[in-house]
Amino acid sequence: MAPEDIANRFTFHPATTPERQAAHESVRTHCGELAAALNELLPDGREKSLAITNLEQVMFWANAAVARQEED
């Protein structure tokens, strides 16, 4: 792996534009809405916990995609 790739992965990437800020908020909102729906629909248990945990991962990686994109 190139040193630049390591640096990019472990560097803070602030939302520098209103569009990126809005994209982060949209990802959080949509994931939160789905999490709330799943919480209501699914019975408590391991599978529900895994579904919510993986949805958190979805949110993380989606926001990483927004944050790590190259500047326009």
PDB file of N, CA and C in Angstrom:
ATOM      1  N   MET A   1       0.856  -1.175   0.000  1.00  0.00           N
ATOM      2  CA  MET A   1       0.000   0.000   0.000  1.00  0.00           C
ATOM      3  C   MET A   1       0.902   1.237   0.000  1.00  0.00           C
ATOM      4  N   ALA A   2       0.540   2.187  -0.778  1.00  0.00           N
ATOM      5  CA  ALA A   2       1.337   3.413  -0.885  1.00  0.00           C
ATOM      6  C   ALA A   2       1.201   4.257   0.384  1.00  0.00           C
ATOM      7  N   PRO A   3       2.286   4.910   0.801  1.00  0.00           N
ATOM      8  CA  PRO A   3       2.217   5.770   1.984  1.00  0.00           C
ATOM      9  C   PRO A   3       1.131   6.839   1.878  1.00  0.00           C
ATOM     10  N   GLU A   4       0.886   7.325   0.665  1.00  0.00           N
ATOM     11  CA  GLU A   4      -0.151   8.343   0.469  1.00  0.00           C
ATOM     12  C   GLU A   4      -1.539   7.773   0.800  1.00  0.00           C
ATOM     13  N   ASP A   5      -1.747   6.492   0.480  1.00  0.00           N
ATOM     14  CA  ASP A   5      -3.023   5.863   0.776  1.00  0.00           C
ATOM     15  C   ASP A   5      -3.214   5.721   2.291  1.00  0.00           C
ATOM     16  N   ILE A   6      -2.163   5.320   2.985  1.00  0.00           N
ATOM     17  CA  ILE A   6      -2.226   5.229   4.444  1.00  0.00           C
ATOM     18  C   ILE A   6      -2.540   6.602   5.038  1.00  0.00           C
ATOM     19  N   ALA A   7      -1.829   7.624   4.560  1.00  0.00           N
ATOM     20  CA  ALA A   7      -2.051   8.979   5.069  1.00  0.00           C
ATOM     21  C   ALA A   7      -3.488   9.422   4.828  1.00  0.00           C
ATOM     22  N   ASN A   8      -4.026   9.138   3.640  1.00  0.00           N
ATOM     23  CA  ASN A   8      -5.399   9.530   3.318  1.00  0.00           C
ATOM     24  C   ASN A   8      -6.402   8.822   4.215  1.00  0.00           C
ATOM     25  N   ARG A   9      -6.155   7.558   4.514  1.00  0.00           N
ATOM     26  CA  ARG A   9      -7.083   6.791   5.341  1.00  0.00           C
ATOM     27  C   ARG A   9      -7.121   7.276   6.787  1.00  0.00           C
ATOM     28  N   PHE A  10      -6.012   7.817   7.267  1.00  0.00           N
ATOM     29  CA  PHE A  10      -5.922   8.176   8.680  1.00  0.00           C
ATOM     30  C   PHE A  10      -5.785   9.676   8.913  1.00  0.00           C
ATOM     31  N   THR A  11      -6.281  10.438   7.961  1.00  0.00           N
ATOM     32  CA  THR A  11      -6.287  11.890   8.067  1.00  0.00           C
ATOM     33  C   THR A  11      -7.731  12.362   8.206  1.00  0.00           C
ATOM     34  N   PHE A  12      -7.922  13.390   8.992  1.00  0.00           N
ATOM     35  CA  PHE A  12      -9.253  13.976   9.132  1.00  0.00           C
ATOM     36  C   PHE A  12      -9.612  14.688   7.841  1.00  0.00           C
ATOM     37  N   HIS A  13     -10.815  14.454   7.358  1.00  0.00           N
ATOM     38  CA  HIS A  13     -11.309  15.065   6.121  1.00  0.00           C
ATOM     39  C   HIS A  13     -12.550  15.894   6.450  1.00  0.00           C
ATOM     40  N   PRO A  14     -12.373  17.165   6.775  1.00  0.00           N
ATOM     41  CA  PRO A  14     -13.536  17.976   7.134  1.00  0.00           C
ATOM     42  C   PRO A  14     -14.436  18.240   5.923  1.00  0.00           C
ATOM     43  N   ALA A  15     -15.699  18.423   6.202  1.00  0.00           N
ATOM     44  CA  ALA A  15     -16.647  18.800   5.150  1.00  0.00           C
ATOM     45  C   ALA A  15     -16.396  20.264   4.814  1.00  0.00           C
ATOM     46  N   THR A  16     -15.758  20.489   3.687  1.00  0.00           N
ATOM     47  CA  THR A  16     -15.296  21.834   3.342  1.00  0.00           C
ATOM     48  C   THR A  16     -16.276  22.633   2.497  1.00  0.00           C
ATOM     49  N   THR A  17     -17.358  22.002   2.085  1.00  0.00           N
ATOM     50  CA  THR A  17     -18.342  22.716   1.278  1.00  0.00           C
ATOM     51  C   THR A  17     -19.738  22.472   1.844  1.00  0.00           C
ATOM     52  N   PRO A  18     -20.650  23.362   1.573  1.00  0.00           N
ATOM     53  CA  PRO A  18     -22.034  23.129   2.007  1.00  0.00           C
ATOM     54  C   PRO A  18     -22.615  21.839   1.406  1.00  0.00           C
ATOM     55  N   GLU A  19     -22.203  21.493   0.196  1.00  0.00           N
ATOM     56  CA  GLU A  19     -22.703  20.275  -0.451  1.00  0.00           C
ATOM     57  C   GLU A  19     -22.250  19.024   0.310  1.00  0.00           C
ATOM     58  N   ARG A  20     -21.003  19.026   0.734  1.00  0.00           N
ATOM     59  CA  ARG A  20     -20.494  17.873   1.490  1.00  0.00           C
ATOM     60  C   ARG A  20     -21.141  17.808   2.874  1.00  0.00           C
ATOM     61  N   GLN A  21     -21.328  18.962   3.486  1.00  0.00           N
ATOM     62  CA  GLN A  21     -22.013  18.975   4.783  1.00  0.00           C
ATOM     63  C   GLN A  21     -23.420  18.407   4.640  1.00  0.00           C
ATOM     64  N   ALA A  22     -24.096  18.800   3.578  1.00  0.00           N
ATOM     65  CA  ALA A  22     -25.458  18.310   3.329  1.00  0.00           C
ATOM     66  C   ALA A  22     -25.452  16.817   3.030  1.00  0.00           C
ATOM     67  N   ALA A  23     -24.451  16.349   2.309  1.00  0.00           N
ATOM     68  CA  ALA A  23     -24.356  14.924   1.995  1.00  0.00           C
ATOM     69  C   ALA A  23     -24.162  14.103   3.271  1.00  0.00           C
ATOM     70  N   HIS A  24     -23.292  14.571   4.163  1.00  0.00           N
ATOM     71  CA  HIS A  24     -23.096  13.882   5.440  1.00  0.00           C
ATOM     72  C   HIS A  24     -24.404  13.831   6.230  1.00  0.00           C
ATOM     73  N   GLU A  25     -25.087  14.931   6.296  1.00  0.00           N
ATOM     74  CA  GLU A  25     -26.351  15.000   7.040  1.00  0.00           C
ATOM     75  C   GLU A  25     -27.394  14.080   6.416  1.00  0.00           C
ATOM     76  N   SER A  26     -27.445  14.043   5.097  1.00  0.00           N
ATOM     77  CA  SER A  26     -28.403  13.178   4.412  1.00  0.00           C
ATOM     78  C   SER A  26     -28.122  11.713   4.702  1.00  0.00           C
ATOM     79  N   VAL A  27     -26.863  11.319   4.657  1.00  0.00           N
ATOM     80  CA  VAL A  27     -26.493   9.935   4.971  1.00  0.00           C
ATOM     81  C   VAL A  27     -26.927   9.600   6.393  1.00  0.00           C
ATOM     82  N   ARG A  28     -26.601  10.480   7.346  1.00  0.00           N
ATOM     83  CA  ARG A  28     -26.973  10.225   8.747  1.00  0.00           C
ATOM     84  C   ARG A  28     -28.484  10.137   8.915  1.00  0.00           C
ATOM     85  N   THR A  29     -29.201  11.036   8.275  1.00  0.00           N
ATOM     86  CA  THR A  29     -30.660  11.059   8.384  1.00  0.00           C
ATOM     87  C   THR A  29     -31.278   9.775   7.835  1.00  0.00           C
ATOM     88  N   HIS A  30     -30.879   9.390   6.626  1.00  0.00           N
ATOM     89  CA  HIS A  30     -31.453   8.197   6.009  1.00  0.00           C
ATOM     90  C   HIS A  30     -31.103   6.931   6.791  1.00  0.00           C
ATOM     91  N   CYS A  31     -29.872   6.827   7.232  1.00  0.00           N
ATOM     92  CA  CYS A  31     -29.482   5.657   8.031  1.00  0.00           C
ATOM     93  C   CYS A  31     -30.225   5.645   9.367  1.00  0.00           C
ATOM     94  N   GLY A  32     -30.385   6.795   9.975  1.00  0.00           N
ATOM     95  CA  GLY A  32     -31.120   6.880  11.233  1.00  0.00           C
ATOM     96  C   GLY A  32     -32.576   6.488  11.067  1.00  0.00           C
ATOM     97  N   GLU A  33     -33.181   6.911   9.973  1.00  0.00           N
ATOM     98  CA  GLU A  33     -34.574   6.547   9.703  1.00  0.00           C
ATOM     99  C   GLU A  33     -34.722   5.039   9.510  1.00  0.00           C
ATOM    100  N   LEU A  34     -33.788   4.445   8.766  1.00  0.00           N
ATOM    101  CA  LEU A  34     -33.846   2.997   8.569  1.00  0.00           C
ATOM    102  C   LEU A  34     -33.599   2.268   9.886  1.00  0.00           C
ATOM    103  N   ALA A  35     -32.665   2.752  10.687  1.00  0.00           N
ATOM    104  CA  ALA A  35     -32.405   2.134  11.985  1.00  0.00           C
ATOM    105  C   ALA A  35     -33.650   2.173  12.868  1.00  0.00           C
ATOM    106  N   ALA A  36     -34.338   3.294  12.871  1.00  0.00           N
ATOM    107  CA  ALA A  36     -35.560   3.414  13.674  1.00  0.00           C
ATOM    108  C   ALA A  36     -36.630   2.439  13.177  1.00  0.00           C
ATOM    109  N   ALA A  37     -36.771   2.321  11.859  1.00  0.00           N
ATOM    110  CA  ALA A  37     -37.756   1.396  11.296  1.00  0.00           C
ATOM    111  C   ALA A  37     -37.407  -0.052  11.643  1.00  0.00           C
ATOM    112  N   LEU A  38     -36.139  -0.410  11.491  1.00  0.00           N
ATOM    113  CA  LEU A  38     -35.723  -1.771  11.826  1.00  0.00           C
ATOM    114  C   LEU A  38     -35.931  -2.057  13.314  1.00  0.00           C
ATOM    115  N   ASN A  39     -35.661  -1.066  14.136  1.00  0.00           N
ATOM    116  CA  ASN A  39     -35.847  -1.233  15.580  1.00  0.00           C
ATOM    117  C   ASN A  39     -37.302  -1.557  15.911  1.00  0.00           C
ATOM    118  N   GLU A  40     -38.217  -0.947  15.192  1.00  0.00           N
ATOM    119  CA  GLU A  40     -39.643  -1.197  15.417  1.00  0.00           C
ATOM    120  C   GLU A  40     -40.092  -2.528  14.813  1.00  0.00           C
ATOM    121  N   LEU A  41     -39.554  -2.881  13.650  1.00  0.00           N
ATOM    122  CA  LEU A  41     -40.015  -4.063  12.918  1.00  0.00           C
ATOM    123  C   LEU A  41     -39.426  -5.373  13.422  1.00  0.00           C
ATOM    124  N   LEU A  42     -38.200  -5.341  13.872  1.00  0.00           N
ATOM    125  CA  LEU A  42     -37.490  -6.574  14.189  1.00  0.00           C
ATOM    126  C   LEU A  42     -37.580  -6.934  15.663  1.00  0.00           C
ATOM    127  N   PRO A  43     -37.652  -8.221  15.942  1.00  0.00           N
ATOM    128  CA  PRO A  43     -37.630  -8.631  17.351  1.00  0.00           C
ATOM    129  C   PRO A  43     -36.215  -8.459  17.908  1.00  0.00           C
ATOM    130  N   ASP A  44     -36.128  -8.181  19.196  1.00  0.00           N
ATOM    131  CA  ASP A  44     -34.818  -8.070  19.822  1.00  0.00           C
ATOM    132  C   ASP A  44     -34.073  -9.389  19.689  1.00  0.00           C
ATOM    133  N   GLY A  45     -32.784  -9.277  19.534  1.00  0.00           N
ATOM    134  CA  GLY A  45     -31.959 -10.478  19.425  1.00  0.00           C
ATOM    135  C   GLY A  45     -30.684 -10.192  18.656  1.00  0.00           C
ATOM    136  N   ARG A  46     -29.920 -11.227  18.477  1.00  0.00           N
ATOM    137  CA  ARG A  46     -28.627 -11.120  17.823  1.00  0.00           C
ATOM    138  C   ARG A  46     -28.749 -10.557  16.404  1.00  0.00           C
ATOM    139  N   GLU A  47     -29.712 -11.059  15.664  1.00  0.00           N
ATOM    140  CA  GLU A  47     -29.865 -10.634  14.267  1.00  0.00           C
ATOM    141  C   GLU A  47     -30.185  -9.145  14.165  1.00  0.00           C
ATOM    142  N   LYS A  48     -31.053  -8.670  15.040  1.00  0.00           N
ATOM    143  CA  LYS A  48     -31.382  -7.241  15.061  1.00  0.00           C
ATOM    144  C   LYS A  48     -30.143  -6.428  15.407  1.00  0.00           C
ATOM    145  N   SER A  49     -29.412  -6.875  16.408  1.00  0.00           N
ATOM    146  CA  SER A  49     -28.183  -6.171  16.799  1.00  0.00           C
ATOM    147  C   SER A  49     -27.196  -6.111  15.643  1.00  0.00           C
ATOM    148  N   LEU A  50     -27.046  -7.226  14.931  1.00  0.00           N
ATOM    149  CA  LEU A  50     -26.138  -7.247  13.784  1.00  0.00           C
ATOM    150  C   LEU A  50     -26.631  -6.329  12.664  1.00  0.00           C
ATOM    151  N   ALA A  51     -27.932  -6.313  12.444  1.00  0.00           N
ATOM    152  CA  ALA A  51     -28.478  -5.431  11.407  1.00  0.00           C
ATOM    153  C   ALA A  51     -28.180  -3.965  11.730  1.00  0.00           C
ATOM    154  N   ILE A  52     -28.383  -3.575  12.974  1.00  0.00           N
ATOM    155  CA  ILE A  52     -28.119  -2.188  13.384  1.00  0.00           C
ATOM    156  C   ILE A  52     -26.629  -1.889  13.325  1.00  0.00           C
ATOM    157  N   THR A  53     -25.795  -2.822  13.785  1.00  0.00           N
ATOM    158  CA  THR A  53     -24.342  -2.628  13.730  1.00  0.00           C
ATOM    159  C   THR A  53     -23.870  -2.458  12.296  1.00  0.00           C
ATOM    160  N   ASN A  54     -24.387  -3.291  11.404  1.00  0.00           N
ATOM    161  CA  ASN A  54     -23.967  -3.179  10.007  1.00  0.00           C
ATOM    162  C   ASN A  54     -24.490  -1.917   9.356  1.00  0.00           C
ATOM    163  N   LEU A  55     -25.634  -1.432   9.798  1.00  0.00           N
ATOM    164  CA  LEU A  55     -26.133  -0.151   9.306  1.00  0.00           C
ATOM    165  C   LEU A  55     -25.223   0.985   9.760  1.00  0.00           C
ATOM    166  N   GLU A  56     -24.679   0.869  10.974  1.00  0.00           N
ATOM    167  CA  GLU A  56     -23.684   1.854  11.428  1.00  0.00           C
ATOM    168  C   GLU A  56     -22.455   1.824  10.523  1.00  0.00           C
ATOM    169  N   GLN A  57     -22.057   0.638  10.102  1.00  0.00           N
ATOM    170  CA  GLN A  57     -20.922   0.521   9.191  1.00  0.00           C
ATOM    171  C   GLN A  57     -21.240   1.151   7.837  1.00  0.00           C
ATOM    172  N   VAL A  58     -22.456   0.938   7.367  1.00  0.00           N
ATOM    173  CA  VAL A  58     -22.897   1.580   6.121  1.00  0.00           C
ATOM    174  C   VAL A  58     -22.755   3.089   6.237  1.00  0.00           C
ATOM    175  N   MET A  59     -23.250   3.635   7.355  1.00  0.00           N
ATOM    176  CA  MET A  59     -23.171   5.084   7.556  1.00  0.00           C
ATOM    177  C   MET A  59     -21.720   5.549   7.581  1.00  0.00           C
ATOM    178  N   PHE A  60     -20.865   4.800   8.290  1.00  0.00           N
ATOM    179  CA  PHE A  60     -19.456   5.167   8.360  1.00  0.00           C
ATOM    180  C   PHE A  60     -18.829   5.204   6.975  1.00  0.00           C
ATOM    181  N   TRP A  61     -18.976   4.139   6.226  1.00  0.00           N
ATOM    182  CA  TRP A  61     -18.329   4.070   4.915  1.00  0.00           C
ATOM    183  C   TRP A  61     -18.937   5.044   3.917  1.00  0.00           C
ATOM    184  N   ALA A  62     -20.229   5.282   3.995  1.00  0.00           N
ATOM    185  CA  ALA A  62     -20.846   6.275   3.105  1.00  0.00           C
ATOM    186  C   ALA A  62     -20.303   7.664   3.411  1.00  0.00           C
ATOM    187  N   ASN A  63     -20.187   7.995   4.702  1.00  0.00           N
ATOM    188  CA  ASN A  63     -19.628   9.300   5.063  1.00  0.00           C
ATOM    189  C   ASN A  63     -18.138   9.377   4.732  1.00  0.00           C
ATOM    190  N   ALA A  64     -17.420   8.259   4.837  1.00  0.00           N
ATOM    191  CA  ALA A  64     -16.017   8.246   4.414  1.00  0.00           C
ATOM    192  C   ALA A  64     -15.905   8.520   2.916  1.00  0.00           C
ATOM    193  N   ALA A  65     -16.826   7.966   2.138  1.00  0.00           N
ATOM    194  CA  ALA A  65     -16.816   8.216   0.692  1.00  0.00           C
ATOM    195  C   ALA A  65     -17.017   9.698   0.391  1.00  0.00           C
ATOM    196  N   VAL A  66     -17.914  10.325   1.130  1.00  0.00           N
ATOM    197  CA  VAL A  66     -18.136  11.762   0.956  1.00  0.00           C
ATOM    198  C   VAL A  66     -16.882  12.535   1.364  1.00  0.00           C
ATOM    199  N   ALA A  67     -16.337  12.192   2.513  1.00  0.00           N
ATOM    200  CA  ALA A  67     -15.217  12.948   3.071  1.00  0.00           C
ATOM    201  C   ALA A  67     -13.929  12.778   2.277  1.00  0.00           C
ATOM    202  N   ARG A  68     -13.704  11.586   1.766  1.00  0.00           N
ATOM    203  CA  ARG A  68     -12.423  11.282   1.120  1.00  0.00           C
ATOM    204  C   ARG A  68     -12.383  11.605  -0.373  1.00  0.00           C
ATOM    205  N   GLN A  69     -13.486  12.036  -0.931  1.00  0.00           N
ATOM    206  CA  GLN A  69     -13.470  12.339  -2.368  1.00  0.00           C
ATOM    207  C   GLN A  69     -12.522  13.490  -2.650  1.00  0.00           C
ATOM    208  N   GLU A  70     -11.962  13.481  -3.811  1.00  0.00           N
ATOM    209  CA  GLU A  70     -11.045  14.560  -4.182  1.00  0.00           C
ATOM    210  C   GLU A  70     -11.795  15.865  -4.331  1.00  0.00           C
ATOM    211  N   GLU A  71     -11.079  16.937  -4.048  1.00  0.00           N
ATOM    212  CA  GLU A  71     -11.673  18.275  -4.189  1.00  0.00           C
ATOM    213  C   GLU A  71     -12.027  18.515  -5.643  1.00  0.00           C
ATOM    214  N   ASP A  72     -13.145  19.191  -5.858  1.00  0.00           N
ATOM    215  CA  ASP A  72     -13.589  19.516  -7.231  1.00  0.00           C
ATOM    216  C   ASP A  72     -12.731  20.606  -7.819  1.00  0.00           C
TER     217      ASP A  72
END
